[in-house]
Amino acid sequence: KLTGYRELVNRSTESTPELEAQVEEM
């Protein structure tokens, strides 16, 4: 899951429902 986590970090400046849902899943 490391690559997926790094992608979430890269997107962490966003404020989107999609990002929120993916971070909550992890």
mmCIF file of all heavy atoms, coordinates in Angstrom:
data_MODEL
# 
_entry.id   MODEL 
# 
loop_
_atom_site.group_PDB 
_atom_site.id 
_atom_site.type_symbol 
_atom_site.label_atom_id 
_atom_site.label_alt_id 
_atom_site.label_comp_id 
_atom_site.label_asym_id 
_atom_site.label_entity_id 
_atom_site.label_seq_id 
_atom_site.pdbx_PDB_ins_code 
_atom_site.Cartn_x 
_atom_site.Cartn_y 
_atom_site.Cartn_z 
_atom_site.occupancy 
_atom_site.B_iso_or_equiv 
_atom_site.pdbx_formal_charge 
_atom_site.auth_seq_id 
_atom_site.auth_comp_id 
_atom_site.auth_asym_id 
_atom_site.auth_atom_id 
_atom_site.pdbx_PDB_model_num 
ATOM 1   N N   . LYS A 1 1  ? 0.815   -1.215 0.000  1.00 0.00 ? 1  LYS A N   1 
ATOM 2   C CA  . LYS A 1 1  ? 0.000   0.000  0.000  1.00 0.00 ? 1  LYS A CA  1 
ATOM 3   C C   . LYS A 1 1  ? 0.853   1.271  0.000  1.00 0.00 ? 1  LYS A C   1 
ATOM 4   O O   . LYS A 1 1  ? 0.313   2.367  0.102  1.00 0.00 ? 1  LYS A O   1 
ATOM 5   C CB  . LYS A 1 1  ? -0.917  0.018  1.238  1.00 0.00 ? 1  LYS A CB  1 
ATOM 6   C CG  . LYS A 1 1  ? -1.967  -1.080 1.275  1.00 0.00 ? 1  LYS A CG  1 
ATOM 7   C CD  . LYS A 1 1  ? -3.070  -0.820 0.269  1.00 0.00 ? 1  LYS A CD  1 
ATOM 8   C CE  . LYS A 1 1  ? -4.197  -1.833 0.401  1.00 0.00 ? 1  LYS A CE  1 
ATOM 9   N NZ  . LYS A 1 1  ? -5.279  -1.588 -0.583 1.00 0.00 ? 1  LYS A NZ  1 
ATOM 10  N N   . LEU A 1 2  ? 2.171   1.108  -0.097 1.00 0.00 ? 2  LEU A N   1 
ATOM 11  C CA  . LEU A 1 2  ? 3.040   2.281  0.024  1.00 0.00 ? 2  LEU A CA  1 
ATOM 12  C C   . LEU A 1 2  ? 2.826   3.260  -1.122 1.00 0.00 ? 2  LEU A C   1 
ATOM 13  O O   . LEU A 1 2  ? 2.724   4.474  -0.898 1.00 0.00 ? 2  LEU A O   1 
ATOM 14  C CB  . LEU A 1 2  ? 4.505   1.851  0.077  1.00 0.00 ? 2  LEU A CB  1 
ATOM 15  C CG  . LEU A 1 2  ? 5.528   2.990  0.178  1.00 0.00 ? 2  LEU A CG  1 
ATOM 16  C CD1 . LEU A 1 2  ? 5.277   3.840  1.416  1.00 0.00 ? 2  LEU A CD1 1 
ATOM 17  C CD2 . LEU A 1 2  ? 6.953   2.444  0.195  1.00 0.00 ? 2  LEU A CD2 1 
ATOM 18  N N   . THR A 1 3  ? 2.750   2.779  -2.343 1.00 0.00 ? 3  THR A N   1 
ATOM 19  C CA  . THR A 1 3  ? 2.550   3.685  -3.480 1.00 0.00 ? 3  THR A CA  1 
ATOM 20  C C   . THR A 1 3  ? 1.230   4.431  -3.349 1.00 0.00 ? 3  THR A C   1 
ATOM 21  O O   . THR A 1 3  ? 1.167   5.648  -3.587 1.00 0.00 ? 3  THR A O   1 
ATOM 22  C CB  . THR A 1 3  ? 2.591   2.897  -4.806 1.00 0.00 ? 3  THR A CB  1 
ATOM 23  O OG1 . THR A 1 3  ? 3.869   2.275  -4.939 1.00 0.00 ? 3  THR A OG1 1 
ATOM 24  C CG2 . THR A 1 3  ? 2.365   3.826  -5.993 1.00 0.00 ? 3  THR A CG2 1 
ATOM 25  N N   . GLY A 1 4  ? 0.177   3.709  -2.957 1.00 0.00 ? 4  GLY A N   1 
ATOM 26  C CA  . GLY A 1 4  ? -1.125  4.357  -2.758 1.00 0.00 ? 4  GLY A CA  1 
ATOM 27  C C   . GLY A 1 4  ? -1.060  5.427  -1.694 1.00 0.00 ? 4  GLY A C   1 
ATOM 28  O O   . GLY A 1 4  ? -1.647  6.507  -1.844 1.00 0.00 ? 4  GLY A O   1 
ATOM 29  N N   . TYR A 1 5  ? -0.343  5.154  -0.603 1.00 0.00 ? 5  TYR A N   1 
ATOM 30  C CA  . TYR A 1 5  ? -0.197  6.141  0.464  1.00 0.00 ? 5  TYR A CA  1 
ATOM 31  C C   . TYR A 1 5  ? 0.556   7.369  -0.037 1.00 0.00 ? 5  TYR A C   1 
ATOM 32  O O   . TYR A 1 5  ? 0.169   8.508  0.236  1.00 0.00 ? 5  TYR A O   1 
ATOM 33  C CB  . TYR A 1 5  ? 0.542   5.523  1.648  1.00 0.00 ? 5  TYR A CB  1 
ATOM 34  C CG  . TYR A 1 5  ? 0.852   6.505  2.755  1.00 0.00 ? 5  TYR A CG  1 
ATOM 35  C CD1 . TYR A 1 5  ? -0.127  6.840  3.685  1.00 0.00 ? 5  TYR A CD1 1 
ATOM 36  C CD2 . TYR A 1 5  ? 2.100   7.117  2.858  1.00 0.00 ? 5  TYR A CD2 1 
ATOM 37  C CE1 . TYR A 1 5  ? 0.147   7.753  4.704  1.00 0.00 ? 5  TYR A CE1 1 
ATOM 38  C CE2 . TYR A 1 5  ? 2.373   8.025  3.861  1.00 0.00 ? 5  TYR A CE2 1 
ATOM 39  C CZ  . TYR A 1 5  ? 1.398   8.336  4.783  1.00 0.00 ? 5  TYR A CZ  1 
ATOM 40  O OH  . TYR A 1 5  ? 1.659   9.244  5.775  1.00 0.00 ? 5  TYR A OH  1 
ATOM 41  N N   . ARG A 1 6  ? 1.636   7.145  -0.776 1.00 0.00 ? 6  ARG A N   1 
ATOM 42  C CA  . ARG A 1 6  ? 2.417   8.280  -1.289 1.00 0.00 ? 6  ARG A CA  1 
ATOM 43  C C   . ARG A 1 6  ? 1.583   9.137  -2.229 1.00 0.00 ? 6  ARG A C   1 
ATOM 44  O O   . ARG A 1 6  ? 1.705   10.378 -2.241 1.00 0.00 ? 6  ARG A O   1 
ATOM 45  C CB  . ARG A 1 6  ? 3.680   7.767  -1.975 1.00 0.00 ? 6  ARG A CB  1 
ATOM 46  C CG  . ARG A 1 6  ? 4.707   7.244  -0.986 1.00 0.00 ? 6  ARG A CG  1 
ATOM 47  C CD  . ARG A 1 6  ? 5.750   6.350  -1.643 1.00 0.00 ? 6  ARG A CD  1 
ATOM 48  N NE  . ARG A 1 6  ? 6.554   7.052  -2.625 1.00 0.00 ? 6  ARG A NE  1 
ATOM 49  C CZ  . ARG A 1 6  ? 7.434   6.463  -3.416 1.00 0.00 ? 6  ARG A CZ  1 
ATOM 50  N NH1 . ARG A 1 6  ? 7.614   5.144  -3.345 1.00 0.00 ? 6  ARG A NH1 1 
ATOM 51  N NH2 . ARG A 1 6  ? 8.127   7.177  -4.292 1.00 0.00 ? 6  ARG A NH2 1 
ATOM 52  N N   . GLU A 1 7  ? 0.730   8.527  -3.014 1.00 0.00 ? 7  GLU A N   1 
ATOM 53  C CA  . GLU A 1 7  ? -0.172  9.299  -3.878 1.00 0.00 ? 7  GLU A CA  1 
ATOM 54  C C   . GLU A 1 7  ? -1.115  10.158 -3.041 1.00 0.00 ? 7  GLU A C   1 
ATOM 55  O O   . GLU A 1 7  ? -1.389  11.311 -3.382 1.00 0.00 ? 7  GLU A O   1 
ATOM 56  C CB  . GLU A 1 7  ? -0.966  8.362  -4.774 1.00 0.00 ? 7  GLU A CB  1 
ATOM 57  C CG  . GLU A 1 7  ? -0.141  7.714  -5.880 1.00 0.00 ? 7  GLU A CG  1 
ATOM 58  C CD  . GLU A 1 7  ? -0.962  6.816  -6.783 1.00 0.00 ? 7  GLU A CD  1 
ATOM 59  O OE1 . GLU A 1 7  ? -2.175  6.660  -6.521 1.00 0.00 ? 7  GLU A OE1 1 
ATOM 60  O OE2 . GLU A 1 7  ? -0.394  6.259  -7.746 1.00 0.00 ? 7  GLU A OE2 1 
ATOM 61  N N   . LEU A 1 8  ? -1.621  9.603  -1.932 1.00 0.00 ? 8  LEU A N   1 
ATOM 62  C CA  . LEU A 1 8  ? -2.511  10.372 -1.063 1.00 0.00 ? 8  LEU A CA  1 
ATOM 63  C C   . LEU A 1 8  ? -1.773  11.558 -0.442 1.00 0.00 ? 8  LEU A C   1 
ATOM 64  O O   . LEU A 1 8  ? -2.332  12.658 -0.329 1.00 0.00 ? 8  LEU A O   1 
ATOM 65  C CB  . LEU A 1 8  ? -3.096  9.476  0.028  1.00 0.00 ? 8  LEU A CB  1 
ATOM 66  C CG  . LEU A 1 8  ? -4.039  8.367  -0.441 1.00 0.00 ? 8  LEU A CG  1 
ATOM 67  C CD1 . LEU A 1 8  ? -4.475  7.497  0.733  1.00 0.00 ? 8  LEU A CD1 1 
ATOM 68  C CD2 . LEU A 1 8  ? -5.259  8.933  -1.152 1.00 0.00 ? 8  LEU A CD2 1 
ATOM 69  N N   . VAL A 1 9  ? -0.521  11.352 -0.028 1.00 0.00 ? 9  VAL A N   1 
ATOM 70  C CA  . VAL A 1 9  ? 0.280   12.465 0.499  1.00 0.00 ? 9  VAL A CA  1 
ATOM 71  C C   . VAL A 1 9  ? 0.447   13.543 -0.569 1.00 0.00 ? 9  VAL A C   1 
ATOM 72  O O   . VAL A 1 9  ? 0.278   14.741 -0.304 1.00 0.00 ? 9  VAL A O   1 
ATOM 73  C CB  . VAL A 1 9  ? 1.658   11.968 0.986  1.00 0.00 ? 9  VAL A CB  1 
ATOM 74  C CG1 . VAL A 1 9  ? 2.556   13.164 1.343  1.00 0.00 ? 9  VAL A CG1 1 
ATOM 75  C CG2 . VAL A 1 9  ? 1.510   11.055 2.192  1.00 0.00 ? 9  VAL A CG2 1 
ATOM 76  N N   . ASN A 1 10 ? 0.745   13.121 -1.799 1.00 0.00 ? 10 ASN A N   1 
ATOM 77  C CA  . ASN A 1 10 ? 0.933   14.084 -2.882 1.00 0.00 ? 10 ASN A CA  1 
ATOM 78  C C   . ASN A 1 10 ? -0.325  14.899 -3.146 1.00 0.00 ? 10 ASN A C   1 
ATOM 79  O O   . ASN A 1 10 ? -0.252  16.046 -3.587 1.00 0.00 ? 10 ASN A O   1 
ATOM 80  C CB  . ASN A 1 10 ? 1.353   13.369 -4.162 1.00 0.00 ? 10 ASN A CB  1 
ATOM 81  C CG  . ASN A 1 10 ? 2.745   12.774 -4.081 1.00 0.00 ? 10 ASN A CG  1 
ATOM 82  O OD1 . ASN A 1 10 ? 3.462   12.989 -3.105 1.00 0.00 ? 10 ASN A OD1 1 
ATOM 83  N ND2 . ASN A 1 10 ? 3.130   12.022 -5.081 1.00 0.00 ? 10 ASN A ND2 1 
ATOM 84  N N   . ARG A 1 11 ? -1.478  14.295 -2.891 1.00 0.00 ? 11 ARG A N   1 
ATOM 85  C CA  . ARG A 1 11 ? -2.760  14.988 -3.133 1.00 0.00 ? 11 ARG A CA  1 
ATOM 86  C C   . ARG A 1 11 ? -3.296  15.691 -1.893 1.00 0.00 ? 11 ARG A C   1 
ATOM 87  O O   . ARG A 1 11 ? -4.401  16.235 -1.916 1.00 0.00 ? 11 ARG A O   1 
ATOM 88  C CB  . ARG A 1 11 ? -3.795  13.967 -3.612 1.00 0.00 ? 11 ARG A CB  1 
ATOM 89  C CG  . ARG A 1 11 ? -3.496  13.353 -4.970 1.00 0.00 ? 11 ARG A CG  1 
ATOM 90  C CD  . ARG A 1 11 ? -4.451  12.208 -5.268 1.00 0.00 ? 11 ARG A CD  1 
ATOM 91  N NE  . ARG A 1 11 ? -5.838  12.613 -5.119 1.00 0.00 ? 11 ARG A NE  1 
ATOM 92  C CZ  . ARG A 1 11 ? -6.837  11.764 -4.874 1.00 0.00 ? 11 ARG A CZ  1 
ATOM 93  N NH1 . ARG A 1 11 ? -6.608  10.475 -4.746 1.00 0.00 ? 11 ARG A NH1 1 
ATOM 94  N NH2 . ARG A 1 11 ? -8.081  12.216 -4.760 1.00 0.00 ? 11 ARG A NH2 1 
ATOM 95  N N   . SER A 1 12 ? -2.526  15.694 -0.810 1.00 0.00 ? 12 SER A N   1 
ATOM 96  C CA  . SER A 1 12 ? -3.071  16.144 0.477  1.00 0.00 ? 12 SER A CA  1 
ATOM 97  C C   . SER A 1 12 ? -3.373  17.631 0.537  1.00 0.00 ? 12 SER A C   1 
ATOM 98  O O   . SER A 1 12 ? -3.977  18.103 1.500  1.00 0.00 ? 12 SER A O   1 
ATOM 99  C CB  . SER A 1 12 ? -2.118  15.769 1.616  1.00 0.00 ? 12 SER A CB  1 
ATOM 100 O OG  . SER A 1 12 ? -0.848  16.385 1.448  1.00 0.00 ? 12 SER A OG  1 
ATOM 101 N N   . THR A 1 13 ? -2.958  18.396 -0.477 1.00 0.00 ? 13 THR A N   1 
ATOM 102 C CA  . THR A 1 13 ? -3.340  19.811 -0.517 1.00 0.00 ? 13 THR A CA  1 
ATOM 103 C C   . THR A 1 13 ? -4.739  20.001 -1.107 1.00 0.00 ? 13 THR A C   1 
ATOM 104 O O   . THR A 1 13 ? -5.261  21.108 -1.099 1.00 0.00 ? 13 THR A O   1 
ATOM 105 C CB  . THR A 1 13 ? -2.321  20.621 -1.337 1.00 0.00 ? 13 THR A CB  1 
ATOM 106 O OG1 . THR A 1 13 ? -2.238  20.063 -2.654 1.00 0.00 ? 13 THR A OG1 1 
ATOM 107 C CG2 . THR A 1 13 ? -0.950  20.579 -0.699 1.00 0.00 ? 13 THR A CG2 1 
ATOM 108 N N   . GLU A 1 14 ? -5.312  18.926 -1.667 1.00 0.00 ? 14 GLU A N   1 
ATOM 109 C CA  . GLU A 1 14 ? -6.664  19.004 -2.229 1.00 0.00 ? 14 GLU A CA  1 
ATOM 110 C C   . GLU A 1 14 ? -7.698  19.069 -1.100 1.00 0.00 ? 14 GLU A C   1 
ATOM 111 O O   . GLU A 1 14 ? -7.424  18.731 0.045  1.00 0.00 ? 14 GLU A O   1 
ATOM 112 C CB  . GLU A 1 14 ? -6.985  17.756 -3.069 1.00 0.00 ? 14 GLU A CB  1 
ATOM 113 C CG  . GLU A 1 14 ? -6.129  17.545 -4.286 1.00 0.00 ? 14 GLU A CG  1 
ATOM 114 C CD  . GLU A 1 14 ? -6.483  16.238 -4.994 1.00 0.00 ? 14 GLU A CD  1 
ATOM 115 O OE1 . GLU A 1 14 ? -7.552  15.661 -4.689 1.00 0.00 ? 14 GLU A OE1 1 
ATOM 116 O OE2 . GLU A 1 14 ? -5.683  15.793 -5.830 1.00 0.00 ? 14 GLU A OE2 1 
ATOM 117 N N   . SER A 1 15 ? -8.906  19.461 -1.452 1.00 0.00 ? 15 SER A N   1 
ATOM 118 C CA  . SER A 1 15 ? -10.050 19.351 -0.533 1.00 0.00 ? 15 SER A CA  1 
ATOM 119 C C   . SER A 1 15 ? -11.208 18.783 -1.344 1.00 0.00 ? 15 SER A C   1 
ATOM 120 O O   . SER A 1 15 ? -12.143 19.489 -1.707 1.00 0.00 ? 15 SER A O   1 
ATOM 121 C CB  . SER A 1 15 ? -10.413 20.707 0.062  1.00 0.00 ? 15 SER A CB  1 
ATOM 122 O OG  . SER A 1 15 ? -9.421  21.138 0.966  1.00 0.00 ? 15 SER A OG  1 
ATOM 123 N N   . THR A 1 16 ? -11.124 17.487 -1.633 1.00 0.00 ? 16 THR A N   1 
ATOM 124 C CA  . THR A 1 16 ? -12.150 16.854 -2.458 1.00 0.00 ? 16 THR A CA  1 
ATOM 125 C C   . THR A 1 16 ? -12.774 15.685 -1.713 1.00 0.00 ? 16 THR A C   1 
ATOM 126 O O   . THR A 1 16 ? -12.100 15.020 -0.915 1.00 0.00 ? 16 THR A O   1 
ATOM 127 C CB  . THR A 1 16 ? -11.554 16.337 -3.784 1.00 0.00 ? 16 THR A CB  1 
ATOM 128 O OG1 . THR A 1 16 ? -10.589 15.310 -3.492 1.00 0.00 ? 16 THR A OG1 1 
ATOM 129 C CG2 . THR A 1 16 ? -10.878 17.461 -4.549 1.00 0.00 ? 16 THR A CG2 1 
ATOM 130 N N   . PRO A 1 17 ? -14.043 15.393 -1.982 1.00 0.00 ? 17 PRO A N   1 
ATOM 131 C CA  . PRO A 1 17 ? -14.672 14.222 -1.349 1.00 0.00 ? 17 PRO A CA  1 
ATOM 132 C C   . PRO A 1 17 ? -13.967 12.919 -1.706 1.00 0.00 ? 17 PRO A C   1 
ATOM 133 O O   . PRO A 1 17 ? -13.889 12.010 -0.880 1.00 0.00 ? 17 PRO A O   1 
ATOM 134 C CB  . PRO A 1 17 ? -16.108 14.252 -1.911 1.00 0.00 ? 17 PRO A CB  1 
ATOM 135 C CG  . PRO A 1 17 ? -16.335 15.656 -2.362 1.00 0.00 ? 17 PRO A CG  1 
ATOM 136 C CD  . PRO A 1 17 ? -15.002 16.164 -2.807 1.00 0.00 ? 17 PRO A CD  1 
ATOM 137 N N   . GLU A 1 18 ? -13.435 12.830 -2.937 1.00 0.00 ? 18 GLU A N   1 
ATOM 138 C CA  . GLU A 1 18 ? -12.753 11.604 -3.349 1.00 0.00 ? 18 GLU A CA  1 
ATOM 139 C C   . GLU A 1 18 ? -11.510 11.354 -2.490 1.00 0.00 ? 18 GLU A C   1 
ATOM 140 O O   . GLU A 1 18 ? -11.274 10.226 -2.040 1.00 0.00 ? 18 GLU A O   1 
ATOM 141 C CB  . GLU A 1 18 ? -12.341 11.700 -4.824 1.00 0.00 ? 18 GLU A CB  1 
ATOM 142 C CG  . GLU A 1 18 ? -13.492 11.731 -5.815 1.00 0.00 ? 18 GLU A CG  1 
ATOM 143 C CD  . GLU A 1 18 ? -14.157 13.098 -5.923 1.00 0.00 ? 18 GLU A CD  1 
ATOM 144 O OE1 . GLU A 1 18 ? -13.593 14.095 -5.435 1.00 0.00 ? 18 GLU A OE1 1 
ATOM 145 O OE2 . GLU A 1 18 ? -15.260 13.167 -6.491 1.00 0.00 ? 18 GLU A OE2 1 
ATOM 146 N N   . LEU A 1 19 ? -10.728 12.403 -2.258 1.00 0.00 ? 19 LEU A N   1 
ATOM 147 C CA  . LEU A 1 19 ? -9.534  12.253 -1.430 1.00 0.00 ? 19 LEU A CA  1 
ATOM 148 C C   . LEU A 1 19 ? -9.921  11.867 -0.008 1.00 0.00 ? 19 LEU A C   1 
ATOM 149 O O   . LEU A 1 19 ? -9.324  10.966 0.593  1.00 0.00 ? 19 LEU A O   1 
ATOM 150 C CB  . LEU A 1 19 ? -8.736  13.554 -1.422 1.00 0.00 ? 19 LEU A CB  1 
ATOM 151 C CG  . LEU A 1 19 ? -7.524  13.555 -0.483 1.00 0.00 ? 19 LEU A CG  1 
ATOM 152 C CD1 . LEU A 1 19 ? -6.484  12.538 -0.927 1.00 0.00 ? 19 LEU A CD1 1 
ATOM 153 C CD2 . LEU A 1 19 ? -6.909  14.948 -0.388 1.00 0.00 ? 19 LEU A CD2 1 
ATOM 154 N N   . GLU A 1 20 ? -10.919 12.542 0.536  1.00 0.00 ? 20 GLU A N   1 
ATOM 155 C CA  . GLU A 1 20 ? -11.356 12.244 1.901  1.00 0.00 ? 20 GLU A CA  1 
ATOM 156 C C   . GLU A 1 20 ? -11.758 10.775 2.039  1.00 0.00 ? 20 GLU A C   1 
ATOM 157 O O   . GLU A 1 20 ? -11.356 10.083 2.985  1.00 0.00 ? 20 GLU A O   1 
ATOM 158 C CB  . GLU A 1 20 ? -12.539 13.146 2.270  1.00 0.00 ? 20 GLU A CB  1 
ATOM 159 C CG  . GLU A 1 20 ? -13.010 12.985 3.699  1.00 0.00 ? 20 GLU A CG  1 
ATOM 160 C CD  . GLU A 1 20 ? -14.214 13.860 4.021  1.00 0.00 ? 20 GLU A CD  1 
ATOM 161 O OE1 . GLU A 1 20 ? -14.639 14.660 3.160  1.00 0.00 ? 20 GLU A OE1 1 
ATOM 162 O OE2 . GLU A 1 20 ? -14.743 13.734 5.138  1.00 0.00 ? 20 GLU A OE2 1 
ATOM 163 N N   . ALA A 1 21 ? -12.517 10.266 1.077  1.00 0.00 ? 21 ALA A N   1 
ATOM 164 C CA  . ALA A 1 21 ? -12.973 8.875  1.132  1.00 0.00 ? 21 ALA A CA  1 
ATOM 165 C C   . ALA A 1 21 ? -11.796 7.904  1.041  1.00 0.00 ? 21 ALA A C   1 
ATOM 166 O O   . ALA A 1 21 ? -11.757 6.884  1.755  1.00 0.00 ? 21 ALA A O   1 
ATOM 167 C CB  . ALA A 1 21 ? -13.971 8.610  0.008  1.00 0.00 ? 21 ALA A CB  1 
ATOM 168 N N   . GLN A 1 22 ? -10.821 8.203  0.187  1.00 0.00 ? 22 GLN A N   1 
ATOM 169 C CA  . GLN A 1 22 ? -9.679  7.299  0.017  1.00 0.00 ? 22 GLN A CA  1 
ATOM 170 C C   . GLN A 1 22 ? -8.775  7.290  1.248  1.00 0.00 ? 22 GLN A C   1 
ATOM 171 O O   . GLN A 1 22 ? -8.252  6.236  1.641  1.00 0.00 ? 22 GLN A O   1 
ATOM 172 C CB  . GLN A 1 22 ? -8.891  7.702  -1.232 1.00 0.00 ? 22 GLN A CB  1 
ATOM 173 C CG  . GLN A 1 22 ? -9.637  7.390  -2.519 1.00 0.00 ? 22 GLN A CG  1 
ATOM 174 C CD  . GLN A 1 22 ? -9.033  8.083  -3.732 1.00 0.00 ? 22 GLN A CD  1 
ATOM 175 O OE1 . GLN A 1 22 ? -7.989  8.727  -3.645 1.00 0.00 ? 22 GLN A OE1 1 
ATOM 176 N NE2 . GLN A 1 22 ? -9.681  7.968  -4.874 1.00 0.00 ? 22 GLN A NE2 1 
ATOM 177 N N   . VAL A 1 23 ? -8.600  8.459  1.878  1.00 0.00 ? 23 VAL A N   1 
ATOM 178 C CA  . VAL A 1 23 ? -7.783  8.516  3.096  1.00 0.00 ? 23 VAL A CA  1 
ATOM 179 C C   . VAL A 1 23 ? -8.493  7.783  4.234  1.00 0.00 ? 23 VAL A C   1 
ATOM 180 O O   . VAL A 1 23 ? -7.863  7.056  5.009  1.00 0.00 ? 23 VAL A O   1 
ATOM 181 C CB  . VAL A 1 23 ? -7.484  9.983  3.480  1.00 0.00 ? 23 VAL A CB  1 
ATOM 182 C CG1 . VAL A 1 23 ? -6.807  10.058 4.839  1.00 0.00 ? 23 VAL A CG1 1 
ATOM 183 C CG2 . VAL A 1 23 ? -6.600  10.632 2.432  1.00 0.00 ? 23 VAL A CG2 1 
ATOM 184 N N   . GLU A 1 24 ? -9.806  7.954  4.338  1.00 0.00 ? 24 GLU A N   1 
ATOM 185 C CA  . GLU A 1 24 ? -10.558 7.247  5.377  1.00 0.00 ? 24 GLU A CA  1 
ATOM 186 C C   . GLU A 1 24 ? -10.497 5.733  5.177  1.00 0.00 ? 24 GLU A C   1 
ATOM 187 O O   . GLU A 1 24 ? -10.447 4.965  6.147  1.00 0.00 ? 24 GLU A O   1 
ATOM 188 C CB  . GLU A 1 24 ? -12.009 7.723  5.400  1.00 0.00 ? 24 GLU A CB  1 
ATOM 189 C CG  . GLU A 1 24 ? -12.220 9.128  5.919  1.00 0.00 ? 24 GLU A CG  1 
ATOM 190 C CD  . GLU A 1 24 ? -12.042 9.252  7.428  1.00 0.00 ? 24 GLU A CD  1 
ATOM 191 O OE1 . GLU A 1 24 ? -11.857 8.226  8.102  1.00 0.00 ? 24 GLU A OE1 1 
ATOM 192 O OE2 . GLU A 1 24 ? -12.081 10.397 7.933  1.00 0.00 ? 24 GLU A OE2 1 
ATOM 193 N N   . GLU A 1 25 ? -10.486 5.294  3.930  1.00 0.00 ? 25 GLU A N   1 
ATOM 194 C CA  . GLU A 1 25 ? -10.373 3.856  3.665  1.00 0.00 ? 25 GLU A CA  1 
ATOM 195 C C   . GLU A 1 25 ? -9.033  3.328  4.181  1.00 0.00 ? 25 GLU A C   1 
ATOM 196 O O   . GLU A 1 25 ? -8.979  2.272  4.833  1.00 0.00 ? 25 GLU A O   1 
ATOM 197 C CB  . GLU A 1 25 ? -10.499 3.581  2.168  1.00 0.00 ? 25 GLU A CB  1 
ATOM 198 C CG  . GLU A 1 25 ? -10.375 2.100  1.820  1.00 0.00 ? 25 GLU A CG  1 
ATOM 199 C CD  . GLU A 1 25 ? -10.429 1.839  0.324  1.00 0.00 ? 25 GLU A CD  1 
ATOM 200 O OE1 . GLU A 1 25 ? -10.444 2.796  -0.464 1.00 0.00 ? 25 GLU A OE1 1 
ATOM 201 O OE2 . GLU A 1 25 ? -10.444 0.648  -0.047 1.00 0.00 ? 25 GLU A OE2 1 
ATOM 202 N N   . MET A 1 26 ? -7.950  4.048  3.910  1.00 0.00 ? 26 MET A N   1 
ATOM 203 C CA  . MET A 1 26 ? -6.648  3.605  4.396  1.00 0.00 ? 26 MET A CA  1 
ATOM 204 C C   . MET A 1 26 ? -6.605  3.668  5.918  1.00 0.00 ? 26 MET A C   1 
ATOM 205 O O   . MET A 1 26 ? -6.013  2.800  6.578  1.00 0.00 ? 26 MET A O   1 
ATOM 206 C CB  . MET A 1 26 ? -5.543  4.454  3.777  1.00 0.00 ? 26 MET A CB  1 
ATOM 207 C CG  . MET A 1 26 ? -4.152  3.922  4.079  1.00 0.00 ? 26 MET A CG  1 
ATOM 208 S SD  . MET A 1 26 ? -2.884  4.498  2.922  1.00 0.00 ? 26 MET A SD  1 
ATOM 209 C CE  . MET A 1 26 ? -3.189  3.447  1.503  1.00 0.00 ? 26 MET A CE  1 
# 
